[in-house]
Amino acid sequence: MKSAKSGIIPFDVENKMDSIKGIRPLKLLEYFAAGIPVVCARWPELEKMNSPAWLYADETEFVELVKKLTCSDPYNALKELNFAAENDWAKIFKKLLQTTQEL
């Protein structure tokens, strides 16, 4: 992944939304931890994550975003690296424990 210009998560949100609507993609965090930007289909769970992923709604936007990332100068992945660090399993588990204790 280190030599990749971007990662992609091309879920079929038009035809498979019932299958993916609650998914928090681990691949997103893996790409970010590797320091590469992500072009990803737009769906509600991903939007709730408020990640720095580059979201697309259709094929045209997908192609445009991939071209933009692959044809540009080196990418500064600081936002992606920080997002991955803030969403590691230890921190997510700690937030979960705090939430259950508040109930």
N, C-alpha and C. Protein backbone atom coordinates (compact mmCIF):
# COMPACT_ATOMS: atom_id res chain seq x y z
N MET A 1 0.83 -1.20 0.00
CA MET A 1 0.00 0.00 0.00
C MET A 1 0.86 1.26 0.00
N LYS A 2 2.09 1.15 0.49
CA LYS A 2 2.93 2.34 0.60
C LYS A 2 3.12 3.06 -0.73
N SER A 3 3.14 2.34 -1.84
CA SER A 3 3.37 2.98 -3.13
C SER A 3 2.07 3.37 -3.84
N ALA A 4 0.94 3.07 -3.24
CA ALA A 4 -0.35 3.41 -3.86
C ALA A 4 -0.61 4.91 -3.76
N LYS A 5 -1.22 5.46 -4.79
CA LYS A 5 -1.59 6.88 -4.78
C LYS A 5 -2.92 7.09 -4.06
N SER A 6 -3.78 6.06 -4.06
CA SER A 6 -5.04 6.13 -3.32
C SER A 6 -5.58 4.73 -3.11
N GLY A 7 -6.45 4.63 -2.12
CA GLY A 7 -7.18 3.40 -1.90
C GLY A 7 -8.61 3.62 -2.37
N ILE A 8 -9.29 2.55 -2.73
CA ILE A 8 -10.69 2.71 -3.16
C ILE A 8 -11.57 1.74 -2.39
N ILE A 9 -12.78 2.20 -2.11
CA ILE A 9 -13.82 1.36 -1.51
C ILE A 9 -15.06 1.58 -2.36
N PRO A 10 -15.18 0.79 -3.43
CA PRO A 10 -16.26 1.01 -4.41
C PRO A 10 -17.52 0.18 -4.14
N PHE A 11 -18.14 0.36 -2.98
CA PHE A 11 -19.36 -0.38 -2.69
C PHE A 11 -20.48 0.02 -3.64
N ASP A 12 -21.34 -0.92 -3.93
CA ASP A 12 -22.50 -0.68 -4.80
C ASP A 12 -23.66 -0.17 -3.93
N VAL A 13 -23.63 1.12 -3.62
CA VAL A 13 -24.65 1.69 -2.73
C VAL A 13 -26.01 1.78 -3.39
N GLU A 14 -26.04 1.78 -4.69
CA GLU A 14 -27.32 1.87 -5.40
C GLU A 14 -28.12 0.58 -5.30
N ASN A 15 -27.44 -0.55 -5.41
CA ASN A 15 -28.14 -1.84 -5.43
C ASN A 15 -27.97 -2.67 -4.16
N LYS A 16 -27.01 -2.34 -3.32
CA LYS A 16 -26.71 -3.17 -2.14
C LYS A 16 -26.76 -2.40 -0.83
N MET A 17 -27.49 -1.31 -0.74
CA MET A 17 -27.51 -0.49 0.47
C MET A 17 -27.92 -1.29 1.70
N ASP A 18 -28.88 -2.20 1.57
CA ASP A 18 -29.29 -3.00 2.73
C ASP A 18 -28.14 -3.82 3.29
N SER A 19 -27.23 -4.25 2.44
CA SER A 19 -26.09 -5.07 2.86
C SER A 19 -24.97 -4.25 3.50
N ILE A 20 -24.87 -2.98 3.15
CA ILE A 20 -23.71 -2.19 3.62
C ILE A 20 -24.06 -1.04 4.55
N LYS A 21 -25.34 -0.77 4.78
CA LYS A 21 -25.71 0.46 5.48
C LYS A 21 -25.10 0.62 6.88
N GLY A 22 -24.80 -0.46 7.59
CA GLY A 22 -24.22 -0.34 8.92
C GLY A 22 -22.74 -0.62 8.98
N ILE A 23 -22.11 -0.80 7.85
CA ILE A 23 -20.69 -1.17 7.81
C ILE A 23 -19.79 0.03 8.09
N ARG A 24 -18.83 -0.17 8.98
CA ARG A 24 -17.73 0.78 9.20
C ARG A 24 -16.50 0.11 8.61
N PRO A 25 -16.08 0.49 7.43
CA PRO A 25 -15.05 -0.27 6.72
C PRO A 25 -13.67 -0.21 7.37
N LEU A 26 -13.18 -1.37 7.78
CA LEU A 26 -11.84 -1.48 8.34
C LEU A 26 -10.79 -1.07 7.31
N LYS A 27 -11.07 -1.38 6.05
CA LYS A 27 -10.14 -1.04 4.97
C LYS A 27 -9.87 0.47 4.95
N LEU A 28 -10.86 1.28 5.27
CA LEU A 28 -10.68 2.74 5.33
C LEU A 28 -9.56 3.09 6.30
N LEU A 29 -9.61 2.52 7.49
CA LEU A 29 -8.59 2.82 8.50
C LEU A 29 -7.24 2.25 8.12
N GLU A 30 -7.23 1.10 7.45
CA GLU A 30 -5.97 0.53 7.00
C GLU A 30 -5.31 1.42 5.95
N TYR A 31 -6.09 1.90 5.01
CA TYR A 31 -5.55 2.83 4.01
C TYR A 31 -5.01 4.10 4.68
N PHE A 32 -5.80 4.66 5.59
CA PHE A 32 -5.36 5.88 6.27
C PHE A 32 -4.09 5.65 7.07
N ALA A 33 -4.01 4.52 7.76
CA ALA A 33 -2.81 4.21 8.55
C ALA A 33 -1.58 4.07 7.66
N ALA A 34 -1.79 3.67 6.41
CA ALA A 34 -0.69 3.58 5.44
C ALA A 34 -0.35 4.95 4.85
N GLY A 35 -1.16 5.96 5.18
CA GLY A 35 -0.88 7.31 4.70
C GLY A 35 -1.35 7.59 3.29
N ILE A 36 -2.39 6.89 2.86
CA ILE A 36 -2.91 7.15 1.53
C ILE A 36 -4.37 7.61 1.61
N PRO A 37 -4.77 8.51 0.71
CA PRO A 37 -6.15 8.97 0.69
C PRO A 37 -7.07 7.87 0.16
N VAL A 38 -8.36 8.01 0.44
CA VAL A 38 -9.33 6.99 0.05
C VAL A 38 -10.47 7.61 -0.76
N VAL A 39 -10.77 6.99 -1.88
CA VAL A 39 -11.94 7.34 -2.68
C VAL A 39 -12.98 6.28 -2.36
N CYS A 40 -14.13 6.73 -1.88
CA CYS A 40 -15.09 5.80 -1.32
C CYS A 40 -16.52 6.17 -1.71
N ALA A 41 -17.33 5.15 -1.92
CA ALA A 41 -18.75 5.37 -2.18
C ALA A 41 -19.38 6.08 -0.97
N ARG A 42 -20.30 6.95 -1.25
CA ARG A 42 -20.98 7.70 -0.20
C ARG A 42 -22.14 6.86 0.35
N TRP A 43 -22.14 6.65 1.68
CA TRP A 43 -23.29 6.03 2.34
C TRP A 43 -23.37 6.56 3.76
N PRO A 44 -24.54 6.50 4.39
CA PRO A 44 -24.77 7.18 5.67
C PRO A 44 -23.77 6.85 6.78
N GLU A 45 -23.45 5.58 6.98
CA GLU A 45 -22.53 5.22 8.06
C GLU A 45 -21.17 5.87 7.87
N LEU A 46 -20.71 5.89 6.65
CA LEU A 46 -19.42 6.51 6.38
C LEU A 46 -19.48 8.02 6.59
N GLU A 47 -20.58 8.63 6.21
CA GLU A 47 -20.71 10.07 6.43
C GLU A 47 -20.73 10.39 7.92
N LYS A 48 -21.34 9.52 8.74
CA LYS A 48 -21.37 9.73 10.19
C LYS A 48 -19.96 9.69 10.78
N MET A 49 -19.09 8.91 10.17
CA MET A 49 -17.71 8.81 10.66
C MET A 49 -16.95 10.12 10.49
N ASN A 50 -17.41 10.95 9.57
CA ASN A 50 -16.77 12.24 9.31
C ASN A 50 -15.27 12.09 9.03
N SER A 51 -14.95 11.11 8.22
CA SER A 51 -13.56 10.85 7.87
C SER A 51 -13.11 11.78 6.74
N PRO A 52 -11.81 11.85 6.51
CA PRO A 52 -11.32 12.66 5.39
C PRO A 52 -11.37 11.93 4.04
N ALA A 53 -12.16 10.84 3.95
CA ALA A 53 -12.28 10.12 2.68
C ALA A 53 -12.89 11.02 1.62
N TRP A 54 -12.51 10.78 0.39
CA TRP A 54 -13.05 11.50 -0.75
C TRP A 54 -14.27 10.72 -1.23
N LEU A 55 -15.46 11.22 -0.97
CA LEU A 55 -16.69 10.48 -1.24
C LEU A 55 -17.26 10.80 -2.61
N TYR A 56 -17.77 9.76 -3.25
CA TYR A 56 -18.41 9.95 -4.56
C TYR A 56 -19.83 9.40 -4.52
N ALA A 57 -20.68 9.96 -5.39
CA ALA A 57 -22.07 9.53 -5.47
C ALA A 57 -22.37 8.73 -6.73
N ASP A 58 -21.51 8.84 -7.75
CA ASP A 58 -21.76 8.13 -9.00
C ASP A 58 -20.44 7.83 -9.71
N GLU A 59 -20.54 7.11 -10.81
CA GLU A 59 -19.34 6.70 -11.56
C GLU A 59 -18.49 7.88 -12.01
N THR A 60 -19.14 8.93 -12.46
CA THR A 60 -18.41 10.10 -12.96
C THR A 60 -17.57 10.71 -11.86
N GLU A 61 -18.15 10.89 -10.68
CA GLU A 61 -17.40 11.45 -9.55
C GLU A 61 -16.27 10.52 -9.14
N PHE A 62 -16.51 9.22 -9.17
CA PHE A 62 -15.47 8.24 -8.83
C PHE A 62 -14.25 8.42 -9.74
N VAL A 63 -14.49 8.44 -11.03
CA VAL A 63 -13.40 8.58 -12.00
C VAL A 63 -12.67 9.91 -11.80
N GLU A 64 -13.40 10.99 -11.59
CA GLU A 64 -12.79 12.30 -11.39
C GLU A 64 -11.90 12.31 -10.15
N LEU A 65 -12.37 11.73 -9.05
CA LEU A 65 -11.59 11.74 -7.82
C LEU A 65 -10.34 10.87 -7.95
N VAL A 66 -10.47 9.71 -8.57
CA VAL A 66 -9.29 8.85 -8.76
C VAL A 66 -8.27 9.56 -9.63
N LYS A 67 -8.72 10.19 -10.72
CA LYS A 67 -7.78 10.93 -11.58
C LYS A 67 -7.10 12.05 -10.81
N LYS A 68 -7.88 12.77 -10.02
CA LYS A 68 -7.34 13.89 -9.25
C LYS A 68 -6.23 13.42 -8.31
N LEU A 69 -6.46 12.30 -7.64
CA LEU A 69 -5.46 11.80 -6.70
C LEU A 69 -4.26 11.16 -7.37
N THR A 70 -4.48 10.47 -8.47
CA THR A 70 -3.37 9.76 -9.11
C THR A 70 -2.54 10.65 -10.02
N CYS A 71 -3.08 11.77 -10.42
CA CYS A 71 -2.36 12.66 -11.33
C CYS A 71 -1.81 13.90 -10.63
N SER A 72 -1.91 13.93 -9.32
CA SER A 72 -1.47 15.13 -8.60
C SER A 72 -0.10 14.93 -7.99
N ASP A 73 0.42 16.00 -7.43
CA ASP A 73 1.69 15.97 -6.73
C ASP A 73 1.55 15.07 -5.50
N PRO A 74 2.66 14.78 -4.84
CA PRO A 74 2.56 13.96 -3.63
C PRO A 74 1.52 14.51 -2.67
N TYR A 75 0.79 13.60 -2.06
CA TYR A 75 -0.35 13.95 -1.20
C TYR A 75 0.10 14.06 0.25
N ASN A 76 -0.35 15.09 0.94
CA ASN A 76 -0.07 15.24 2.36
C ASN A 76 -1.17 14.51 3.13
N ALA A 77 -0.82 13.39 3.74
CA ALA A 77 -1.81 12.51 4.37
C ALA A 77 -1.95 12.74 5.87
N LEU A 78 -1.64 13.90 6.35
CA LEU A 78 -1.71 14.16 7.79
C LEU A 78 -3.12 13.93 8.35
N LYS A 79 -4.15 14.39 7.64
CA LYS A 79 -5.52 14.19 8.12
C LYS A 79 -5.85 12.71 8.22
N GLU A 80 -5.44 11.95 7.22
CA GLU A 80 -5.72 10.52 7.19
C GLU A 80 -5.00 9.79 8.32
N LEU A 81 -3.73 10.10 8.50
CA LEU A 81 -2.95 9.47 9.58
C LEU A 81 -3.54 9.79 10.94
N ASN A 82 -3.93 11.04 11.16
CA ASN A 82 -4.54 11.43 12.43
C ASN A 82 -5.88 10.72 12.65
N PHE A 83 -6.69 10.61 11.59
CA PHE A 83 -7.98 9.94 11.71
C PHE A 83 -7.78 8.47 12.09
N ALA A 84 -6.83 7.81 11.46
CA ALA A 84 -6.55 6.41 11.79
C ALA A 84 -6.10 6.28 13.24
N ALA A 85 -5.25 7.18 13.69
CA ALA A 85 -4.75 7.12 15.07
C ALA A 85 -5.88 7.35 16.07
N GLU A 86 -6.80 8.22 15.76
CA GLU A 86 -7.92 8.51 16.66
C GLU A 86 -8.99 7.42 16.64
N ASN A 87 -8.92 6.52 15.68
CA ASN A 87 -9.93 5.47 15.55
C ASN A 87 -9.34 4.07 15.68
N ASP A 88 -8.25 3.95 16.46
CA ASP A 88 -7.71 2.60 16.68
C ASP A 88 -8.62 1.86 17.67
N TRP A 89 -8.45 0.54 17.73
CA TRP A 89 -9.36 -0.29 18.53
C TRP A 89 -9.34 0.08 20.01
N ALA A 90 -8.21 0.43 20.55
CA ALA A 90 -8.13 0.77 21.97
C ALA A 90 -8.99 2.00 22.28
N LYS A 91 -8.92 3.01 21.43
CA LYS A 91 -9.71 4.22 21.66
C LYS A 91 -11.20 3.97 21.43
N ILE A 92 -11.52 3.17 20.41
CA ILE A 92 -12.93 2.85 20.16
C ILE A 92 -13.50 2.06 21.33
N PHE A 93 -12.75 1.10 21.85
CA PHE A 93 -13.21 0.31 22.98
C PHE A 93 -13.41 1.19 24.21
N LYS A 94 -12.50 2.12 24.44
CA LYS A 94 -12.62 3.03 25.58
C LYS A 94 -13.89 3.88 25.47
N LYS A 95 -14.18 4.39 24.27
CA LYS A 95 -15.40 5.17 24.06
C LYS A 95 -16.64 4.31 24.30
N LEU A 96 -16.59 3.07 23.85
CA LEU A 96 -17.71 2.16 24.05
C LEU A 96 -17.95 1.91 25.53
N LEU A 97 -16.90 1.68 26.29
CA LEU A 97 -17.04 1.48 27.73
C LEU A 97 -17.63 2.71 28.40
N GLN A 98 -17.16 3.89 28.03
CA GLN A 98 -17.69 5.12 28.60
C GLN A 98 -19.17 5.28 28.31
N THR A 99 -19.56 4.97 27.09
CA THR A 99 -20.96 5.09 26.70
C THR A 99 -21.82 4.12 27.50
N THR A 100 -21.38 2.88 27.68
CA THR A 100 -22.19 1.91 28.41
C THR A 100 -22.27 2.25 29.87
N GLN A 101 -21.24 2.85 30.44
CA GLN A 101 -21.26 3.24 31.84
C GLN A 101 -22.21 4.41 32.09
N GLU A 102 -22.41 5.24 31.07
CA GLU A 102 -23.31 6.38 31.19
C GLU A 102 -24.77 5.95 31.14
N LEU A 103 -25.04 4.77 30.62
CA LEU A 103 -26.43 4.30 30.49
C LEU A 103 -26.98 3.89 31.78
